Amino acid sequence: MSALGANRTVLVVEDDRALRTFYRSALMIAGYSVVTAEDGIEALQTFEGYQPAAVVLDLGLPRMSGHDVTAELLANEKLRHIPIVIVTGGDVSEVDQKKFACVLRKPVTAESLIAAIQNCLAVSSEN
């Protein structure tokens, strides 16, 4: 892998435990540190301690949707630069893709998830 900076932590926000575990395992095997959250509120609380290099975000979350999490991140000057990879089982034609680094449709393979994160981090390190 190319040098992507010191921060190689990815926040995975997914309410489905099996998918959260799958994404976490795939990213860890690829050499990333992974922090997980099972809903939008827990995800936003994660940002109180540190800033991950990228976020993998499900849109259909309990307590606070992925759309609302995105709005909060984009409204925050310190967080808006963090690339967001959307992973959704919903209709991607209704997703404003300009807000996200990548939009993946479920089911997602480990390879496509890792490629999306690698691309996000490569682009963000160029900026």
N, C-alpha and C. Protein backbone atom coordinates (compact mmCIF):
# COMPACT_ATOMS: atom_id res chain seq x y z
N MET A 1 0.84 -1.19 0.00
CA MET A 1 0.00 0.00 0.00
C MET A 1 0.88 1.24 0.00
N SER A 2 0.34 2.30 -0.55
CA SER A 2 1.09 3.54 -0.58
C SER A 2 1.00 4.22 0.78
N ALA A 3 1.86 5.19 0.99
CA ALA A 3 1.84 5.91 2.26
C ALA A 3 0.58 6.75 2.32
N LEU A 4 -0.25 6.47 3.30
CA LEU A 4 -1.53 7.17 3.40
C LEU A 4 -1.59 8.03 4.65
N GLY A 5 -0.47 8.32 5.24
CA GLY A 5 -0.47 9.11 6.45
C GLY A 5 -0.55 8.22 7.67
N ALA A 6 -0.36 8.84 8.81
CA ALA A 6 -0.29 8.09 10.06
C ALA A 6 -1.66 7.57 10.50
N ASN A 7 -2.71 8.30 10.20
CA ASN A 7 -4.03 7.90 10.66
C ASN A 7 -4.65 6.91 9.69
N ARG A 8 -4.71 5.67 10.12
CA ARG A 8 -5.31 4.62 9.29
C ARG A 8 -6.49 3.99 10.03
N THR A 9 -7.19 4.83 10.79
CA THR A 9 -8.35 4.36 11.53
C THR A 9 -9.61 4.63 10.74
N VAL A 10 -10.46 3.63 10.64
CA VAL A 10 -11.73 3.74 9.93
C VAL A 10 -12.85 3.52 10.94
N LEU A 11 -13.83 4.41 10.93
CA LEU A 11 -15.03 4.25 11.74
C LEU A 11 -16.07 3.54 10.89
N VAL A 12 -16.55 2.39 11.36
CA VAL A 12 -17.60 1.64 10.67
C VAL A 12 -18.89 1.83 11.45
N VAL A 13 -19.91 2.39 10.79
CA VAL A 13 -21.20 2.64 11.42
C VAL A 13 -22.24 1.78 10.71
N GLU A 14 -22.64 0.71 11.37
CA GLU A 14 -23.57 -0.27 10.78
C GLU A 14 -24.38 -0.91 11.91
N ASP A 15 -25.70 -0.93 11.78
CA ASP A 15 -26.53 -1.49 12.85
C ASP A 15 -26.63 -3.01 12.79
N ASP A 16 -26.35 -3.61 11.66
CA ASP A 16 -26.39 -5.07 11.54
C ASP A 16 -25.07 -5.63 12.07
N ARG A 17 -25.16 -6.38 13.17
CA ARG A 17 -23.95 -6.88 13.84
C ARG A 17 -23.08 -7.73 12.92
N ALA A 18 -23.68 -8.60 12.13
CA ALA A 18 -22.91 -9.47 11.24
C ALA A 18 -22.15 -8.66 10.20
N LEU A 19 -22.81 -7.65 9.62
CA LEU A 19 -22.14 -6.81 8.63
C LEU A 19 -21.05 -5.96 9.28
N ARG A 20 -21.34 -5.43 10.45
CA ARG A 20 -20.35 -4.62 11.18
C ARG A 20 -19.09 -5.45 11.44
N THR A 21 -19.28 -6.68 11.86
CA THR A 21 -18.15 -7.58 12.12
C THR A 21 -17.41 -7.91 10.83
N PHE A 22 -18.14 -8.16 9.76
CA PHE A 22 -17.54 -8.46 8.46
C PHE A 22 -16.69 -7.28 7.97
N TYR A 23 -17.26 -6.07 8.00
CA TYR A 23 -16.52 -4.88 7.54
C TYR A 23 -15.27 -4.67 8.40
N ARG A 24 -15.44 -4.81 9.72
CA ARG A 24 -14.33 -4.63 10.65
C ARG A 24 -13.21 -5.63 10.34
N SER A 25 -13.55 -6.89 10.18
CA SER A 25 -12.55 -7.93 9.90
C SER A 25 -11.83 -7.67 8.59
N ALA A 26 -12.59 -7.35 7.55
CA ALA A 26 -11.99 -7.11 6.23
C ALA A 26 -11.00 -5.95 6.28
N LEU A 27 -11.39 -4.87 6.95
CA LEU A 27 -10.52 -3.70 7.03
C LEU A 27 -9.29 -3.97 7.90
N MET A 28 -9.47 -4.73 8.98
CA MET A 28 -8.33 -5.05 9.84
C MET A 28 -7.32 -5.94 9.11
N ILE A 29 -7.81 -6.90 8.34
CA ILE A 29 -6.92 -7.75 7.55
C ILE A 29 -6.13 -6.91 6.54
N ALA A 30 -6.76 -5.84 6.05
CA ALA A 30 -6.10 -4.95 5.09
C ALA A 30 -5.16 -3.96 5.77
N GLY A 31 -5.06 -4.02 7.10
CA GLY A 31 -4.09 -3.19 7.80
C GLY A 31 -4.63 -1.93 8.45
N TYR A 32 -5.94 -1.78 8.51
CA TYR A 32 -6.53 -0.59 9.12
C TYR A 32 -6.89 -0.87 10.58
N SER A 33 -6.87 0.18 11.38
CA SER A 33 -7.45 0.13 12.71
C SER A 33 -8.93 0.44 12.52
N VAL A 34 -9.78 -0.22 13.28
CA VAL A 34 -11.22 -0.04 13.07
C VAL A 34 -11.91 0.22 14.40
N VAL A 35 -12.77 1.22 14.40
CA VAL A 35 -13.66 1.52 15.51
C VAL A 35 -15.07 1.35 14.96
N THR A 36 -15.97 0.79 15.77
CA THR A 36 -17.32 0.57 15.27
C THR A 36 -18.36 1.30 16.11
N ALA A 37 -19.48 1.57 15.47
CA ALA A 37 -20.65 2.15 16.13
C ALA A 37 -21.88 1.49 15.51
N GLU A 38 -22.92 1.29 16.32
CA GLU A 38 -24.10 0.62 15.79
C GLU A 38 -25.25 1.55 15.46
N ASP A 39 -25.10 2.85 15.75
CA ASP A 39 -26.13 3.80 15.34
C ASP A 39 -25.50 5.18 15.16
N GLY A 40 -26.30 6.12 14.67
CA GLY A 40 -25.79 7.44 14.36
C GLY A 40 -25.33 8.23 15.56
N ILE A 41 -26.05 8.11 16.67
CA ILE A 41 -25.67 8.85 17.87
C ILE A 41 -24.33 8.35 18.40
N GLU A 42 -24.17 7.03 18.45
CA GLU A 42 -22.90 6.46 18.90
C GLU A 42 -21.77 6.89 17.96
N ALA A 43 -22.06 6.98 16.67
CA ALA A 43 -21.04 7.41 15.70
C ALA A 43 -20.58 8.83 16.00
N LEU A 44 -21.51 9.74 16.23
CA LEU A 44 -21.13 11.12 16.51
C LEU A 44 -20.37 11.25 17.82
N GLN A 45 -20.71 10.42 18.80
CA GLN A 45 -19.98 10.44 20.07
C GLN A 45 -18.53 10.00 19.88
N THR A 46 -18.29 9.15 18.90
CA THR A 46 -16.93 8.68 18.61
C THR A 46 -16.02 9.84 18.24
N PHE A 47 -16.57 10.85 17.57
CA PHE A 47 -15.77 11.98 17.13
C PHE A 47 -15.34 12.89 18.27
N GLU A 48 -15.89 12.69 19.47
CA GLU A 48 -15.48 13.49 20.62
C GLU A 48 -14.06 13.12 21.06
N GLY A 49 -13.64 11.89 20.81
CA GLY A 49 -12.32 11.44 21.25
C GLY A 49 -11.24 11.60 20.21
N TYR A 50 -11.58 11.45 18.95
CA TYR A 50 -10.57 11.52 17.89
C TYR A 50 -11.27 11.59 16.54
N GLN A 51 -10.47 11.76 15.51
CA GLN A 51 -10.99 11.81 14.15
C GLN A 51 -10.46 10.64 13.34
N PRO A 52 -11.33 9.77 12.85
CA PRO A 52 -10.87 8.69 11.98
C PRO A 52 -10.45 9.24 10.62
N ALA A 53 -9.71 8.45 9.89
CA ALA A 53 -9.28 8.85 8.55
C ALA A 53 -10.43 8.77 7.55
N ALA A 54 -11.39 7.86 7.80
CA ALA A 54 -12.53 7.67 6.90
C ALA A 54 -13.67 7.04 7.70
N VAL A 55 -14.88 7.16 7.13
CA VAL A 55 -16.07 6.60 7.76
C VAL A 55 -16.79 5.72 6.76
N VAL A 56 -17.14 4.51 7.20
CA VAL A 56 -18.03 3.63 6.44
C VAL A 56 -19.39 3.76 7.12
N LEU A 57 -20.39 4.23 6.39
CA LEU A 57 -21.65 4.62 7.00
C LEU A 57 -22.86 4.01 6.30
N ASP A 58 -23.66 3.29 7.08
CA ASP A 58 -24.95 2.79 6.61
C ASP A 58 -25.93 3.95 6.69
N LEU A 59 -26.83 4.07 5.73
CA LEU A 59 -27.80 5.16 5.78
C LEU A 59 -29.00 4.84 6.68
N GLY A 60 -29.40 3.57 6.74
CA GLY A 60 -30.57 3.17 7.52
C GLY A 60 -30.19 2.75 8.92
N LEU A 61 -29.97 3.73 9.79
CA LEU A 61 -29.53 3.46 11.15
C LEU A 61 -30.64 3.80 12.16
N PRO A 62 -30.65 3.10 13.29
CA PRO A 62 -31.60 3.48 14.35
C PRO A 62 -31.12 4.75 15.07
N ARG A 63 -32.03 5.42 15.73
CA ARG A 63 -31.82 6.61 16.56
C ARG A 63 -31.39 7.84 15.78
N MET A 64 -30.57 7.72 14.78
CA MET A 64 -30.17 8.84 13.93
C MET A 64 -29.70 8.28 12.60
N SER A 65 -30.30 8.71 11.52
CA SER A 65 -30.00 8.14 10.21
C SER A 65 -28.60 8.52 9.73
N GLY A 66 -28.12 7.76 8.76
CA GLY A 66 -26.85 8.07 8.14
C GLY A 66 -26.87 9.43 7.45
N HIS A 67 -28.04 9.82 6.93
CA HIS A 67 -28.17 11.15 6.31
C HIS A 67 -27.94 12.24 7.36
N ASP A 68 -28.51 12.05 8.56
CA ASP A 68 -28.34 13.04 9.63
C ASP A 68 -26.90 13.07 10.14
N VAL A 69 -26.26 11.91 10.22
CA VAL A 69 -24.84 11.86 10.62
C VAL A 69 -24.01 12.63 9.60
N THR A 70 -24.28 12.41 8.33
CA THR A 70 -23.57 13.11 7.26
C THR A 70 -23.74 14.62 7.40
N ALA A 71 -24.97 15.06 7.63
CA ALA A 71 -25.24 16.49 7.77
C ALA A 71 -24.45 17.08 8.93
N GLU A 72 -24.38 16.36 10.05
CA GLU A 72 -23.62 16.82 11.22
C GLU A 72 -22.13 16.92 10.89
N LEU A 73 -21.59 15.92 10.20
CA LEU A 73 -20.16 15.93 9.85
C LEU A 73 -19.84 17.07 8.89
N LEU A 74 -20.70 17.26 7.88
CA LEU A 74 -20.44 18.31 6.89
C LEU A 74 -20.60 19.71 7.48
N ALA A 75 -21.40 19.84 8.53
CA ALA A 75 -21.60 21.14 9.18
C ALA A 75 -20.46 21.49 10.13
N ASN A 76 -19.63 20.52 10.45
CA ASN A 76 -18.54 20.74 11.41
C ASN A 76 -17.24 21.01 10.68
N GLU A 77 -16.70 22.20 10.87
CA GLU A 77 -15.47 22.61 10.19
C GLU A 77 -14.32 21.62 10.39
N LYS A 78 -14.21 21.02 11.57
CA LYS A 78 -13.11 20.11 11.89
C LYS A 78 -13.32 18.71 11.33
N LEU A 79 -14.54 18.38 10.93
CA LEU A 79 -14.84 17.01 10.50
C LEU A 79 -15.22 16.88 9.03
N ARG A 80 -15.56 17.97 8.38
CA ARG A 80 -16.10 17.88 7.02
C ARG A 80 -15.13 17.31 5.99
N HIS A 81 -13.83 17.30 6.30
CA HIS A 81 -12.83 16.77 5.36
C HIS A 81 -12.76 15.24 5.38
N ILE A 82 -13.36 14.60 6.37
CA ILE A 82 -13.26 13.15 6.50
C ILE A 82 -14.11 12.49 5.41
N PRO A 83 -13.50 11.64 4.58
CA PRO A 83 -14.27 10.99 3.52
C PRO A 83 -15.26 9.98 4.09
N ILE A 84 -16.45 9.96 3.49
CA ILE A 84 -17.52 9.06 3.91
C ILE A 84 -17.82 8.09 2.78
N VAL A 85 -17.78 6.81 3.11
CA VAL A 85 -18.18 5.75 2.17
C VAL A 85 -19.55 5.26 2.63
N ILE A 86 -20.55 5.48 1.79
CA ILE A 86 -21.89 5.02 2.11
C ILE A 86 -22.04 3.57 1.67
N VAL A 87 -22.62 2.77 2.55
CA VAL A 87 -22.95 1.39 2.24
C VAL A 87 -24.44 1.25 2.54
N THR A 88 -25.25 1.01 1.51
CA THR A 88 -26.69 0.99 1.72
C THR A 88 -27.36 -0.11 0.91
N GLY A 89 -28.44 -0.59 1.46
CA GLY A 89 -29.27 -1.54 0.75
C GLY A 89 -30.41 -0.84 0.04
N GLY A 90 -30.51 0.46 0.26
CA GLY A 90 -31.59 1.25 -0.34
C GLY A 90 -31.28 1.68 -1.75
N ASP A 91 -32.16 2.48 -2.28
CA ASP A 91 -32.05 2.99 -3.65
C ASP A 91 -30.97 4.07 -3.70
N VAL A 92 -29.89 3.78 -4.39
CA VAL A 92 -28.77 4.74 -4.45
C VAL A 92 -29.05 5.90 -5.40
N SER A 93 -30.07 5.79 -6.24
CA SER A 93 -30.38 6.90 -7.16
C SER A 93 -30.86 8.13 -6.39
N GLU A 94 -31.35 7.94 -5.16
CA GLU A 94 -31.83 9.07 -4.36
C GLU A 94 -30.75 9.65 -3.46
N VAL A 95 -29.54 9.10 -3.52
CA VAL A 95 -28.44 9.57 -2.67
C VAL A 95 -27.70 10.69 -3.38
N ASP A 96 -27.49 11.80 -2.67
CA ASP A 96 -26.70 12.91 -3.22
C ASP A 96 -25.23 12.51 -3.16
N GLN A 97 -24.75 11.92 -4.26
CA GLN A 97 -23.41 11.34 -4.27
C GLN A 97 -22.31 12.37 -4.13
N LYS A 98 -22.60 13.65 -4.32
CA LYS A 98 -21.58 14.69 -4.15
C LYS A 98 -21.14 14.82 -2.70
N LYS A 99 -21.98 14.38 -1.76
CA LYS A 99 -21.65 14.48 -0.33
C LYS A 99 -20.71 13.38 0.13
N PHE A 100 -20.56 12.33 -0.70
CA PHE A 100 -19.85 11.15 -0.26
C PHE A 100 -18.67 10.83 -1.16
N ALA A 101 -17.64 10.23 -0.56
CA ALA A 101 -16.48 9.81 -1.33
C ALA A 101 -16.82 8.64 -2.24
N CYS A 102 -17.73 7.78 -1.78
CA CYS A 102 -18.10 6.59 -2.53
C CYS A 102 -19.45 6.09 -2.02
N VAL A 103 -20.22 5.52 -2.91
CA VAL A 103 -21.50 4.91 -2.53
C VAL A 103 -21.47 3.46 -3.00
N LEU A 104 -21.59 2.54 -2.04
CA LEU A 104 -21.60 1.11 -2.33
C LEU A 104 -22.98 0.55 -2.02
N ARG A 105 -23.44 -0.32 -2.88
CA ARG A 105 -24.75 -0.95 -2.69
C ARG A 105 -24.56 -2.33 -2.08
N LYS A 106 -25.31 -2.62 -1.01
CA LYS A 106 -25.25 -3.94 -0.38
C LYS A 106 -25.84 -4.97 -1.32
N PRO A 107 -25.32 -6.17 -1.35
CA PRO A 107 -24.21 -6.68 -0.54
C PRO A 107 -22.87 -6.18 -1.06
N VAL A 108 -21.95 -5.94 -0.14
CA VAL A 108 -20.63 -5.40 -0.44
C VAL A 108 -19.59 -6.48 -0.21
N THR A 109 -18.66 -6.60 -1.14
CA THR A 109 -17.56 -7.56 -0.95
C THR A 109 -16.45 -6.89 -0.15
N ALA A 110 -15.63 -7.70 0.47
CA ALA A 110 -14.48 -7.17 1.20
C ALA A 110 -13.59 -6.37 0.26
N GLU A 111 -13.41 -6.86 -0.95
CA GLU A 111 -12.54 -6.20 -1.92
C GLU A 111 -13.06 -4.81 -2.29
N SER A 112 -14.37 -4.69 -2.52
CA SER A 112 -14.91 -3.39 -2.91
C SER A 112 -14.85 -2.39 -1.75
N LEU A 113 -15.05 -2.88 -0.53
CA LEU A 113 -14.97 -2.01 0.64
C LEU A 113 -13.54 -1.50 0.83
N ILE A 114 -12.58 -2.40 0.75
CA ILE A 114 -11.17 -2.02 0.92
C ILE A 114 -10.74 -1.07 -0.19
N ALA A 115 -11.15 -1.34 -1.42
CA ALA A 115 -10.80 -0.46 -2.54
C ALA A 115 -11.37 0.94 -2.33
N ALA A 116 -12.61 1.02 -1.84
CA ALA A 116 -13.23 2.33 -1.60
C ALA A 116 -12.46 3.10 -0.55
N ILE A 117 -12.07 2.44 0.54
CA ILE A 117 -11.32 3.11 1.60
C ILE A 117 -9.93 3.52 1.08
N GLN A 118 -9.26 2.65 0.36
CA GLN A 118 -7.94 3.00 -0.19
C GLN A 118 -8.04 4.23 -1.10
N ASN A 119 -9.07 4.26 -1.94
CA ASN A 119 -9.26 5.40 -2.84
C ASN A 119 -9.54 6.68 -2.06
N CYS A 120 -10.37 6.59 -1.04
CA CYS A 120 -10.69 7.75 -0.20
C CYS A 120 -9.44 8.32 0.43
N LEU A 121 -8.65 7.46 1.03
CA LEU A 121 -7.47 7.91 1.74
C LEU A 121 -6.39 8.42 0.79
N ALA A 122 -6.29 7.83 -0.38
CA ALA A 122 -5.32 8.31 -1.38
C ALA A 122 -5.71 9.72 -1.84
N VAL A 123 -6.99 9.93 -2.09
CA VAL A 123 -7.47 11.24 -2.54
C VAL A 123 -7.33 12.28 -1.43
N SER A 124 -7.69 11.91 -0.19
CA SER A 124 -7.61 12.88 0.90
C SER A 124 -6.16 13.22 1.24
N SER A 125 -5.23 12.31 1.02
CA SER A 125 -3.82 12.63 1.29
C SER A 125 -3.22 13.54 0.22
N GLU A 126 -3.85 13.59 -0.95
CA GLU A 126 -3.38 14.48 -2.03
C GLU A 126 -3.84 15.92 -1.79
N ASN A 127 -4.93 16.08 -1.03
CA ASN A 127 -5.48 17.42 -0.81
C ASN A 127 -4.78 18.16 0.30
